[in-house]
Amino acid sequence: MYWLELIPDIWLQIAIASAWLGAVSLVAATINRYTSANSEIRRKVVHIGTGNVILLAWWLHIPAWVGITASILRVLSPYCLINYLFCLVLIVSVVKPGDILLRC
């Protein structure tokens, strides 16, 4: 385990939290692809799973500035800003069978 000692603690903590978020995303994607569960179930899996990252960060003693910086970078990411300004990705909502609603 010598190579683990070379990695600064903060990067190891961030990697563990990121791995958790990746696992939650993988579970949600698997549910989306291989089951007939509705979008409400997938949404609950994502929200309940990502909520636990706060406890994980607390247990790992990740500094608050790391979480604040990550949330600011996520909101200000170029993808989010461009999509918000130009509506590049349309969200498809099915209100009832046969009706499709496109919105930004």
PDB file of N, CA and C in Angstrom:
ATOM      1  N   MET A   1       0.817  -1.194   0.000  1.00  0.00           N
ATOM      2  CA  MET A   1       0.000   0.000   0.000  1.00  0.00           C
ATOM      3  C   MET A   1       0.860   1.256   0.000  1.00  0.00           C
ATOM      4  N   TYR A   2       2.056   1.144  -0.485  1.00  0.00           N
ATOM      5  CA  TYR A   2       2.948   2.292  -0.499  1.00  0.00           C
ATOM      6  C   TYR A   2       2.432   3.404  -1.413  1.00  0.00           C
ATOM      7  N   TRP A   3       1.856   3.045  -2.543  1.00  0.00           N
ATOM      8  CA  TRP A   3       1.381   4.069  -3.487  1.00  0.00           C
ATOM      9  C   TRP A   3       0.229   4.874  -2.918  1.00  0.00           C
ATOM     10  N   LEU A   4      -0.562   4.280  -2.022  1.00  0.00           N
ATOM     11  CA  LEU A   4      -1.646   5.030  -1.389  1.00  0.00           C
ATOM     12  C   LEU A   4      -1.117   6.118  -0.462  1.00  0.00           C
ATOM     13  N   GLU A   5       0.042   5.884   0.101  1.00  0.00           N
ATOM     14  CA  GLU A   5       0.633   6.882   0.982  1.00  0.00           C
ATOM     15  C   GLU A   5       1.136   8.100   0.209  1.00  0.00           C
ATOM     16  N   LEU A   6       1.370   7.955  -1.093  1.00  0.00           N
ATOM     17  CA  LEU A   6       1.849   9.064  -1.907  1.00  0.00           C
ATOM     18  C   LEU A   6       0.732  10.023  -2.304  1.00  0.00           C
ATOM     19  N   ILE A   7      -0.500   9.553  -2.274  1.00  0.00           N
ATOM     20  CA  ILE A   7      -1.637  10.385  -2.659  1.00  0.00           C
ATOM     21  C   ILE A   7      -2.038  11.238  -1.465  1.00  0.00           C
ATOM     22  N   PRO A   8      -2.181  12.550  -1.650  1.00  0.00           N
ATOM     23  CA  PRO A   8      -2.651  13.391  -0.541  1.00  0.00           C
ATOM     24  C   PRO A   8      -4.034  12.945  -0.069  1.00  0.00           C
ATOM     25  N   ASP A   9      -4.265  13.088   1.216  1.00  0.00           N
ATOM     26  CA  ASP A   9      -5.523  12.620   1.809  1.00  0.00           C
ATOM     27  C   ASP A   9      -6.750  13.221   1.136  1.00  0.00           C
ATOM     28  N   ILE A  10      -6.693  14.493   0.792  1.00  0.00           N
ATOM     29  CA  ILE A  10      -7.865  15.153   0.228  1.00  0.00           C
ATOM     30  C   ILE A  10      -8.268  14.513  -1.091  1.00  0.00           C
ATOM     31  N   TRP A  11      -7.300  14.120  -1.926  1.00  0.00           N
ATOM     32  CA  TRP A  11      -7.632  13.501  -3.209  1.00  0.00           C
ATOM     33  C   TRP A  11      -8.213  12.117  -3.033  1.00  0.00           C
ATOM     34  N   LEU A  12      -7.746  11.398  -2.035  1.00  0.00           N
ATOM     35  CA  LEU A  12      -8.308  10.088  -1.751  1.00  0.00           C
ATOM     36  C   LEU A  12      -9.743  10.220  -1.247  1.00  0.00           C
ATOM     37  N   GLN A  13     -10.000  11.207  -0.418  1.00  0.00           N
ATOM     38  CA  GLN A  13     -11.348  11.447   0.075  1.00  0.00           C
ATOM     39  C   GLN A  13     -12.291  11.828  -1.064  1.00  0.00           C
ATOM     40  N   ILE A  14     -11.830  12.702  -1.941  1.00  0.00           N
ATOM     41  CA  ILE A  14     -12.645  13.108  -3.084  1.00  0.00           C
ATOM     42  C   ILE A  14     -12.901  11.917  -4.004  1.00  0.00           C
ATOM     43  N   ALA A  15     -11.910  11.077  -4.190  1.00  0.00           N
ATOM     44  CA  ALA A  15     -12.072   9.900  -5.053  1.00  0.00           C
ATOM     45  C   ALA A  15     -13.121   8.949  -4.486  1.00  0.00           C
ATOM     46  N   ILE A  16     -13.139   8.765  -3.171  1.00  0.00           N
ATOM     47  CA  ILE A  16     -14.132   7.883  -2.554  1.00  0.00           C
ATOM     48  C   ILE A  16     -15.534   8.452  -2.719  1.00  0.00           C
ATOM     49  N   ALA A  17     -15.698   9.743  -2.478  1.00  0.00           N
ATOM     50  CA  ALA A  17     -17.012  10.381  -2.653  1.00  0.00           C
ATOM     51  C   ALA A  17     -17.447  10.338  -4.117  1.00  0.00           C
ATOM     52  N   SER A  18     -16.517  10.547  -5.029  1.00  0.00           N
ATOM     53  CA  SER A  18     -16.837  10.488  -6.457  1.00  0.00           C
ATOM     54  C   SER A  18     -17.210   9.070  -6.881  1.00  0.00           C
ATOM     55  N   ALA A  19     -16.532   8.093  -6.321  1.00  0.00           N
ATOM     56  CA  ALA A  19     -16.873   6.699  -6.631  1.00  0.00           C
ATOM     57  C   ALA A  19     -18.294   6.377  -6.162  1.00  0.00           C
ATOM     58  N   TRP A  20     -18.682   6.918  -5.008  1.00  0.00           N
ATOM     59  CA  TRP A  20     -20.046   6.717  -4.523  1.00  0.00           C
ATOM     60  C   TRP A  20     -21.060   7.317  -5.495  1.00  0.00           C
ATOM     61  N   LEU A  21     -20.812   8.543  -5.935  1.00  0.00           N
ATOM     62  CA  LEU A  21     -21.720   9.190  -6.879  1.00  0.00           C
ATOM     63  C   LEU A  21     -21.749   8.447  -8.212  1.00  0.00           C
ATOM     64  N   GLY A  22     -20.619   7.920  -8.627  1.00  0.00           N
ATOM     65  CA  GLY A  22     -20.578   7.115  -9.846  1.00  0.00           C
ATOM     66  C   GLY A  22     -21.378   5.835  -9.706  1.00  0.00           C
ATOM     67  N   ALA A  23     -21.301   5.208  -8.535  1.00  0.00           N
ATOM     68  CA  ALA A  23     -22.083   3.986  -8.292  1.00  0.00           C
ATOM     69  C   ALA A  23     -23.573   4.277  -8.308  1.00  0.00           C
ATOM     70  N   VAL A  24     -23.975   5.390  -7.714  1.00  0.00           N
ATOM     71  CA  VAL A  24     -25.400   5.770  -7.732  1.00  0.00           C
ATOM     72  C   VAL A  24     -25.855   6.020  -9.165  1.00  0.00           C
ATOM     73  N   SER A  25     -25.031   6.697  -9.947  1.00  0.00           N
ATOM     74  CA  SER A  25     -25.368   6.951 -11.346  1.00  0.00           C
ATOM     75  C   SER A  25     -25.470   5.655 -12.133  1.00  0.00           C
ATOM     76  N   LEU A  26     -24.587   4.722 -11.853  1.00  0.00           N
ATOM     77  CA  LEU A  26     -24.613   3.431 -12.527  1.00  0.00           C
ATOM     78  C   LEU A  26     -25.877   2.650 -12.191  1.00  0.00           C
ATOM     79  N   VAL A  27     -26.273   2.684 -10.933  1.00  0.00           N
ATOM     80  CA  VAL A  27     -27.519   2.010 -10.533  1.00  0.00           C
ATOM     81  C   VAL A  27     -28.719   2.642 -11.232  1.00  0.00           C
ATOM     82  N   ALA A  28     -28.765   3.961 -11.281  1.00  0.00           N
ATOM     83  CA  ALA A  28     -29.874   4.644 -11.946  1.00  0.00           C
ATOM     84  C   ALA A  28     -29.898   4.336 -13.441  1.00  0.00           C
ATOM     85  N   ALA A  29     -28.734   4.306 -14.057  1.00  0.00           N
ATOM     86  CA  ALA A  29     -28.671   3.981 -15.485  1.00  0.00           C
ATOM     87  C   ALA A  29     -29.084   2.535 -15.744  1.00  0.00           C
ATOM     88  N   THR A  30     -28.719   1.635 -14.845  1.00  0.00           N
ATOM     89  CA  THR A  30     -29.112   0.236 -14.981  1.00  0.00           C
ATOM     90  C   THR A  30     -30.617   0.083 -14.836  1.00  0.00           C
ATOM     91  N   ILE A  31     -31.189   0.785 -13.878  1.00  0.00           N
ATOM     92  CA  ILE A  31     -32.647   0.745 -13.706  1.00  0.00           C
ATOM     93  C   ILE A  31     -33.329   1.300 -14.943  1.00  0.00           C
ATOM     94  N   ASN A  32     -32.781   2.360 -15.489  1.00  0.00           N
ATOM     95  CA  ASN A  32     -33.359   2.983 -16.680  1.00  0.00           C
ATOM     96  C   ASN A  32     -33.313   2.034 -17.879  1.00  0.00           C
ATOM     97  N   ARG A  33     -32.213   1.323 -18.016  1.00  0.00           N
ATOM     98  CA  ARG A  33     -32.028   0.498 -19.208  1.00  0.00           C
ATOM     99  C   ARG A  33     -32.687  -0.868 -19.123  1.00  0.00           C
ATOM    100  N   TYR A  34     -32.621  -1.522 -17.971  1.00  0.00           N
ATOM    101  CA  TYR A  34     -33.026  -2.919 -17.893  1.00  0.00           C
ATOM    102  C   TYR A  34     -34.343  -3.182 -17.175  1.00  0.00           C
ATOM    103  N   THR A  35     -34.996  -2.149 -16.681  1.00  0.00           N
ATOM    104  CA  THR A  35     -36.290  -2.365 -16.036  1.00  0.00           C
ATOM    105  C   THR A  35     -37.335  -1.461 -16.673  1.00  0.00           C
ATOM    106  N   SER A  36     -38.550  -1.740 -16.356  1.00  0.00           N
ATOM    107  CA  SER A  36     -39.638  -0.897 -16.879  1.00  0.00           C
ATOM    108  C   SER A  36     -40.112   0.088 -15.805  1.00  0.00           C
ATOM    109  N   ALA A  37     -39.240   0.390 -14.863  1.00  0.00           N
ATOM    110  CA  ALA A  37     -39.601   1.320 -13.785  1.00  0.00           C
ATOM    111  C   ALA A  37     -39.829   2.712 -14.361  1.00  0.00           C
ATOM    112  N   ASN A  38     -40.764   3.406 -13.778  1.00  0.00           N
ATOM    113  CA  ASN A  38     -41.057   4.755 -14.275  1.00  0.00           C
ATOM    114  C   ASN A  38     -39.984   5.740 -13.806  1.00  0.00           C
ATOM    115  N   SER A  39     -40.066   6.939 -14.317  1.00  0.00           N
ATOM    116  CA  SER A  39     -39.036   7.936 -14.017  1.00  0.00           C
ATOM    117  C   SER A  39     -39.022   8.332 -12.543  1.00  0.00           C
ATOM    118  N   GLU A  40     -40.132   8.173 -11.859  1.00  0.00           N
ATOM    119  CA  GLU A  40     -40.196   8.514 -10.426  1.00  0.00           C
ATOM    120  C   GLU A  40     -39.253   7.620  -9.617  1.00  0.00           C
ATOM    121  N   ILE A  41     -39.184   6.346  -9.955  1.00  0.00           N
ATOM    122  CA  ILE A  41     -38.292   5.418  -9.244  1.00  0.00           C
ATOM    123  C   ILE A  41     -36.836   5.804  -9.489  1.00  0.00           C
ATOM    124  N   ARG A  42     -36.492   6.090 -10.736  1.00  0.00           N
ATOM    125  CA  ARG A  42     -35.114   6.494 -11.037  1.00  0.00           C
ATOM    126  C   ARG A  42     -34.757   7.787 -10.322  1.00  0.00           C
ATOM    127  N   ARG A  43     -35.679   8.717 -10.298  1.00  0.00           N
ATOM    128  CA  ARG A  43     -35.436   9.986  -9.617  1.00  0.00           C
ATOM    129  C   ARG A  43     -35.197   9.767  -8.126  1.00  0.00           C
ATOM    130  N   LYS A  44     -35.991   8.877  -7.522  1.00  0.00           N
ATOM    131  CA  LYS A  44     -35.818   8.600  -6.097  1.00  0.00           C
ATOM    132  C   LYS A  44     -34.475   7.930  -5.822  1.00  0.00           C
ATOM    133  N   VAL A  45     -34.068   7.017  -6.691  1.00  0.00           N
ATOM    134  CA  VAL A  45     -32.767   6.361  -6.514  1.00  0.00           C
ATOM    135  C   VAL A  45     -31.652   7.399  -6.541  1.00  0.00           C
ATOM    136  N   VAL A  46     -31.719   8.316  -7.493  1.00  0.00           N
ATOM    137  CA  VAL A  46     -30.673   9.336  -7.607  1.00  0.00           C
ATOM    138  C   VAL A  46     -30.694  10.275  -6.405  1.00  0.00           C
ATOM    139  N   HIS A  47     -31.873  10.751  -6.019  1.00  0.00           N
ATOM    140  CA  HIS A  47     -31.933  11.707  -4.908  1.00  0.00           C
ATOM    141  C   HIS A  47     -31.568  11.071  -3.571  1.00  0.00           C
ATOM    142  N   ILE A  48     -32.050   9.874  -3.318  1.00  0.00           N
ATOM    143  CA  ILE A  48     -31.707   9.211  -2.055  1.00  0.00           C
ATOM    144  C   ILE A  48     -30.228   8.831  -2.034  1.00  0.00           C
ATOM    145  N   GLY A  49     -29.708   8.346  -3.152  1.00  0.00           N
ATOM    146  CA  GLY A  49     -28.302   7.940  -3.216  1.00  0.00           C
ATOM    147  C   GLY A  49     -27.346   9.101  -3.115  1.00  0.00           C
ATOM    148  N   THR A  50     -27.658  10.207  -3.790  1.00  0.00           N
ATOM    149  CA  THR A  50     -26.733  11.344  -3.744  1.00  0.00           C
ATOM    150  C   THR A  50     -26.822  12.094  -2.420  1.00  0.00           C
ATOM    151  N   GLY A  51     -27.933  11.975  -1.735  1.00  0.00           N
ATOM    152  CA  GLY A  51     -28.048  12.610  -0.422  1.00  0.00           C
ATOM    153  C   GLY A  51     -27.074  12.019   0.581  1.00  0.00           C
ATOM    154  N   ASN A  52     -26.747  10.754   0.400  1.00  0.00           N
ATOM    155  CA  ASN A  52     -25.824  10.091   1.325  1.00  0.00           C
ATOM    156  C   ASN A  52     -24.384  10.567   1.177  1.00  0.00           C
ATOM    157  N   VAL A  53     -24.081  11.274   0.103  1.00  0.00           N
ATOM    158  CA  VAL A  53     -22.711  11.753  -0.079  1.00  0.00           C
ATOM    159  C   VAL A  53     -22.360  12.799   0.984  1.00  0.00           C
ATOM    160  N   ILE A  54     -23.354  13.474   1.533  1.00  0.00           N
ATOM    161  CA  ILE A  54     -23.094  14.430   2.614  1.00  0.00           C
ATOM    162  C   ILE A  54     -22.575  13.696   3.850  1.00  0.00           C
ATOM    163  N   LEU A  55     -23.216  12.585   4.196  1.00  0.00           N
ATOM    164  CA  LEU A  55     -22.726  11.787   5.324  1.00  0.00           C
ATOM    165  C   LEU A  55     -21.350  11.208   5.041  1.00  0.00           C
ATOM    166  N   LEU A  56     -21.146  10.758   3.825  1.00  0.00           N
ATOM    167  CA  LEU A  56     -19.849  10.215   3.444  1.00  0.00           C
ATOM    168  C   LEU A  56     -18.755  11.279   3.565  1.00  0.00           C
ATOM    169  N   ALA A  57     -19.049  12.487   3.122  1.00  0.00           N
ATOM    170  CA  ALA A  57     -18.072  13.575   3.241  1.00  0.00           C
ATOM    171  C   ALA A  57     -17.794  13.908   4.707  1.00  0.00           C
ATOM    172  N   TRP A  58     -18.814  13.842   5.518  1.00  0.00           N
ATOM    173  CA  TRP A  58     -18.631  14.112   6.949  1.00  0.00           C
ATOM    174  C   TRP A  58     -17.751  13.042   7.591  1.00  0.00           C
ATOM    175  N   TRP A  59     -18.029  11.781   7.283  1.00  0.00           N
ATOM    176  CA  TRP A  59     -17.230  10.688   7.848  1.00  0.00           C
ATOM    177  C   TRP A  59     -15.783  10.740   7.375  1.00  0.00           C
ATOM    178  N   LEU A  60     -15.577  11.179   6.137  1.00  0.00           N
ATOM    179  CA  LEU A  60     -14.215  11.243   5.593  1.00  0.00           C
ATOM    180  C   LEU A  60     -13.498  12.544   5.947  1.00  0.00           C
ATOM    181  N   HIS A  61     -14.185  13.436   6.654  1.00  0.00           N
ATOM    182  CA  HIS A  61     -13.621  14.736   7.052  1.00  0.00           C
ATOM    183  C   HIS A  61     -13.189  15.559   5.841  1.00  0.00           C
ATOM    184  N   ILE A  62     -14.025  15.554   4.813  1.00  0.00           N
ATOM    185  CA  ILE A  62     -13.754  16.391   3.644  1.00  0.00           C
ATOM    186  C   ILE A  62     -14.087  17.830   4.026  1.00  0.00           C
ATOM    187  N   PRO A  63     -13.177  18.756   3.785  1.00  0.00           N
ATOM    188  CA  PRO A  63     -13.428  20.156   4.167  1.00  0.00           C
ATOM    189  C   PRO A  63     -14.633  20.740   3.432  1.00  0.00           C
ATOM    190  N   ALA A  64     -15.288  21.682   4.080  1.00  0.00           N
ATOM    191  CA  ALA A  64     -16.483  22.307   3.491  1.00  0.00           C
ATOM    192  C   ALA A  64     -16.159  23.020   2.197  1.00  0.00           C
ATOM    193  N   TRP A  65     -14.976  23.606   2.079  1.00  0.00           N
ATOM    194  CA  TRP A  65     -14.641  24.346   0.867  1.00  0.00           C
ATOM    195  C   TRP A  65     -14.625  23.447  -0.360  1.00  0.00           C
ATOM    196  N   VAL A  66     -14.348  22.161  -0.176  1.00  0.00           N
ATOM    197  CA  VAL A  66     -14.344  21.234  -1.312  1.00  0.00           C
ATOM    198  C   VAL A  66     -15.767  21.050  -1.840  1.00  0.00           C
ATOM    199  N   GLY A  67     -16.712  20.847  -0.940  1.00  0.00           N
ATOM    200  CA  GLY A  67     -18.101  20.694  -1.357  1.00  0.00           C
ATOM    201  C   GLY A  67     -18.686  21.953  -1.962  1.00  0.00           C
ATOM    202  N   ILE A  68     -18.357  23.078  -1.364  1.00  0.00           N
ATOM    203  CA  ILE A  68     -18.858  24.357  -1.891  1.00  0.00           C
ATOM    204  C   ILE A  68     -18.285  24.619  -3.277  1.00  0.00           C
ATOM    205  N   THR A  69     -16.993  24.359  -3.447  1.00  0.00           N
ATOM    206  CA  THR A  69     -16.360  24.557  -4.749  1.00  0.00           C
ATOM    207  C   THR A  69     -16.957  23.613  -5.793  1.00  0.00           C
ATOM    208  N   ALA A  70     -17.186  22.365  -5.416  1.00  0.00           N
ATOM    209  CA  ALA A  70     -17.766  21.396  -6.360  1.00  0.00           C
ATOM    210  C   ALA A  70     -19.166  21.805  -6.783  1.00  0.00           C
ATOM    211  N   SER A  71     -19.954  22.308  -5.848  1.00  0.00           N
ATOM    212  CA  SER A  71     -21.317  22.711  -6.212  1.00  0.00           C
ATOM    213  C   SER A  71     -21.307  23.953  -7.098  1.00  0.00           C
ATOM    214  N   ILE A  72     -20.398  24.889  -6.836  1.00  0.00           N
ATOM    215  CA  ILE A  72     -20.302  26.080  -7.681  1.00  0.00           C
ATOM    216  C   ILE A  72     -19.837  25.706  -9.090  1.00  0.00           C
ATOM    217  N   LEU A  73     -18.848  24.826  -9.168  1.00  0.00           N
ATOM    218  CA  LEU A  73     -18.361  24.405 -10.481  1.00  0.00           C
ATOM    219  C   LEU A  73     -19.423  23.638 -11.255  1.00  0.00           C
ATOM    220  N   ARG A  74     -20.236  22.880 -10.556  1.00  0.00           N
ATOM    221  CA  ARG A  74     -21.308  22.134 -11.225  1.00  0.00           C
ATOM    222  C   ARG A  74     -22.356  23.081 -11.791  1.00  0.00           C
ATOM    223  N   VAL A  75     -22.722  24.077 -11.029  1.00  0.00           N
ATOM    224  CA  VAL A  75     -23.737  25.024 -11.492  1.00  0.00           C
ATOM    225  C   VAL A  75     -23.195  25.891 -12.618  1.00  0.00           C
ATOM    226  N   LEU A  76     -21.927  26.256 -12.520  1.00  0.00           N
ATOM    227  CA  LEU A  76     -21.336  27.147 -13.512  1.00  0.00           C
ATOM    228  C   LEU A  76     -20.635  26.406 -14.650  1.00  0.00           C
ATOM    229  N   SER A  77     -20.836  25.104 -14.743  1.00  0.00           N
ATOM    230  CA  SER A  77     -20.165  24.359 -15.802  1.00  0.00           C
ATOM    231  C   SER A  77     -20.630  24.858 -17.166  1.00  0.00           C
ATOM    232  N   PRO A  78     -19.744  24.864 -18.129  1.00  0.00           N
ATOM    233  CA  PRO A  78     -20.109  25.356 -19.470  1.00  0.00           C
ATOM    234  C   PRO A  78     -21.305  24.617 -20.062  1.00  0.00           C
ATOM    235  N   TYR A  79     -21.407  23.327 -19.818  1.00  0.00           N
ATOM    236  CA  TYR A  79     -22.532  22.563 -20.361  1.00  0.00           C
ATOM    237  C   TYR A  79     -23.855  23.106 -19.834  1.00  0.00           C
ATOM    238  N   CYS A  80     -23.935  23.313 -18.538  1.00  0.00           N
ATOM    239  CA  CYS A  80     -25.186  23.805 -17.951  1.00  0.00           C
ATOM    240  C   CYS A  80     -25.520  25.201 -18.443  1.00  0.00           C
ATOM    241  N   LEU A  81     -24.520  26.071 -18.508  1.00  0.00           N
ATOM    242  CA  LEU A  81     -24.775  27.435 -18.961  1.00  0.00           C
ATOM    243  C   LEU A  81     -25.205  27.494 -20.426  1.00  0.00           C
ATOM    244  N   ILE A  82     -24.517  26.742 -21.273  1.00  0.00           N
ATOM    245  CA  ILE A  82     -24.871  26.740 -22.695  1.00  0.00           C
ATOM    246  C   ILE A  82     -26.257  26.149 -22.900  1.00  0.00           C
ATOM    247  N   ASN A  83     -26.554  25.066 -22.208  1.00  0.00           N
ATOM    248  CA  ASN A  83     -27.874  24.459 -22.341  1.00  0.00           C
ATOM    249  C   ASN A  83     -28.960  25.392 -21.815  1.00  0.00           C
ATOM    250  N   TYR A  84     -28.691  26.100 -20.757  1.00  0.00           N
ATOM    251  CA  TYR A  84     -29.672  27.031 -20.215  1.00  0.00           C
ATOM    252  C   TYR A  84     -29.911  28.197 -21.182  1.00  0.00           C
ATOM    253  N   LEU A  85     -28.843  28.700 -21.786  1.00  0.00           N
ATOM    254  CA  LEU A  85     -28.970  29.850 -22.674  1.00  0.00           C
ATOM    255  C   LEU A  85     -29.576  29.497 -24.034  1.00  0.00           C
ATOM    256  N   PHE A  86     -29.195  28.347 -24.578  1.00  0.00           N
ATOM    257  CA  PHE A  86     -29.584  28.025 -25.948  1.00  0.00           C
ATOM    258  C   PHE A  86     -30.534  26.831 -26.064  1.00  0.00           C
ATOM    259  N   CYS A  87     -30.867  26.217 -24.954  1.00  0.00           N
ATOM    260  CA  CYS A  87     -31.794  25.079 -24.940  1.00  0.00           C
ATOM    261  C   CYS A  87     -31.358  24.011 -25.949  1.00  0.00           C
ATOM    262  N   LEU A  88     -30.140  23.526 -25.804  1.00  0.00           N
ATOM    263  CA  LEU A  88     -29.622  22.530 -26.724  1.00  0.00           C
ATOM    264  C   LEU A  88     -30.188  21.140 -26.470  1.00  0.00           C
ATOM    265  N   VAL A  89     -30.466  20.830 -25.232  1.00  0.00           N
ATOM    266  CA  VAL A  89     -31.001  19.517 -24.896  1.00  0.00           C
ATOM    267  C   VAL A  89     -32.463  19.686 -24.529  1.00  0.00           C
ATOM    268  N   LEU A  90     -33.311  19.058 -25.288  1.00  0.00           N
ATOM    269  CA  LEU A  90     -34.735  19.118 -25.012  1.00  0.00           C
ATOM    270  C   LEU A  90     -35.113  17.992 -24.065  1.00  0.00           C
ATOM    271  N   ILE A  91     -35.971  18.275 -23.141  1.00  0.00           N
ATOM    272  CA  ILE A  91     -36.493  17.262 -22.233  1.00  0.00           C
ATOM    273  C   ILE A  91     -37.806  16.772 -22.810  1.00  0.00           C
ATOM    274  N   VAL A  92     -37.915  15.488 -22.982  1.00  0.00           N
ATOM    275  CA  VAL A  92     -39.126  14.908 -23.549  1.00  0.00           C
ATOM    276  C   VAL A  92     -39.983  14.395 -22.400  1.00  0.00           C
ATOM    277  N   SER A  93     -41.175  14.898 -22.304  1.00  0.00           N
ATOM    278  CA  SER A  93     -42.111  14.460 -21.273  1.00  0.00           C
ATOM    279  C   SER A  93     -43.322  13.832 -21.943  1.00  0.00           C
ATOM    280  N   VAL A  94     -43.715  12.693 -21.454  1.00  0.00           N
ATOM    281  CA  VAL A  94     -44.925  12.055 -21.948  1.00  0.00           C
ATOM    282  C   VAL A  94     -46.001  12.298 -20.916  1.00  0.00           C
ATOM    283  N   VAL A  95     -46.982  13.121 -21.267  1.00  0.00           N
ATOM    284  CA  VAL A  95     -48.049  13.478 -20.344  1.00  0.00           C
ATOM    285  C   VAL A  95     -49.014  12.309 -20.207  1.00  0.00           C
ATOM    286  N   LYS A  96     -49.474  11.806 -21.312  1.00  0.00           N
ATOM    287  CA  LYS A  96     -50.294  10.598 -21.346  1.00  0.00           C
ATOM    288  C   LYS A  96     -49.954   9.880 -22.639  1.00  0.00           C
ATOM    289  N   PRO A  97     -50.291   8.622 -22.760  1.00  0.00           N
ATOM    290  CA  PRO A  97     -49.912   7.889 -23.969  1.00  0.00           C
ATOM    291  C   PRO A  97     -50.359   8.629 -25.230  1.00  0.00           C
ATOM    292  N   GLY A  98     -49.413   8.828 -26.117  1.00  0.00           N
ATOM    293  CA  GLY A  98     -49.703   9.515 -27.371  1.00  0.00           C
ATOM    294  C   GLY A  98     -49.343  10.983 -27.362  1.00  0.00           C
ATOM    295  N   ASP A  99     -49.273  11.611 -26.199  1.00  0.00           N
ATOM    296  CA  ASP A  99     -48.935  13.032 -26.091  1.00  0.00           C
ATOM    297  C   ASP A  99     -47.468  13.173 -25.688  1.00  0.00           C
ATOM    298  N   ILE A 100     -46.723  13.881 -26.470  1.00  0.00           N
ATOM    299  CA  ILE A 100     -45.317  14.137 -26.158  1.00  0.00           C
ATOM    300  C   ILE A 100     -45.132  15.636 -26.044  1.00  0.00           C
ATOM    301  N   LEU A 101     -44.510  16.061 -24.960  1.00  0.00           N
ATOM    302  CA  LEU A 101     -44.274  17.475 -24.695  1.00  0.00           C
ATOM    303  C   LEU A 101     -42.775  17.714 -24.704  1.00  0.00           C
ATOM    304  N   LEU A 102     -42.304  18.615 -25.530  1.00  0.00           N
ATOM    305  CA  LEU A 102     -40.895  18.988 -25.567  1.00  0.00           C
ATOM    306  C   LEU A 102     -40.711  20.309 -24.841  1.00  0.00           C
ATOM    307  N   ARG A 103     -39.735  20.328 -23.939  1.00  0.00           N
ATOM    308  CA  ARG A 103     -39.473  21.562 -23.210  1.00  0.00           C
ATOM    309  C   ARG A 103     -37.992  21.638 -22.901  1.00  0.00           C
ATOM    310  N   CYS A 104     -37.545  22.842 -22.548  1.00  0.00           N
ATOM    311  CA  CYS A 104     -36.130  23.033 -22.178  1.00  0.00           C
ATOM    312  C   CYS A 104     -35.934  22.747 -20.722  1.00  0.00           C
TER     313      CYS A 104
END
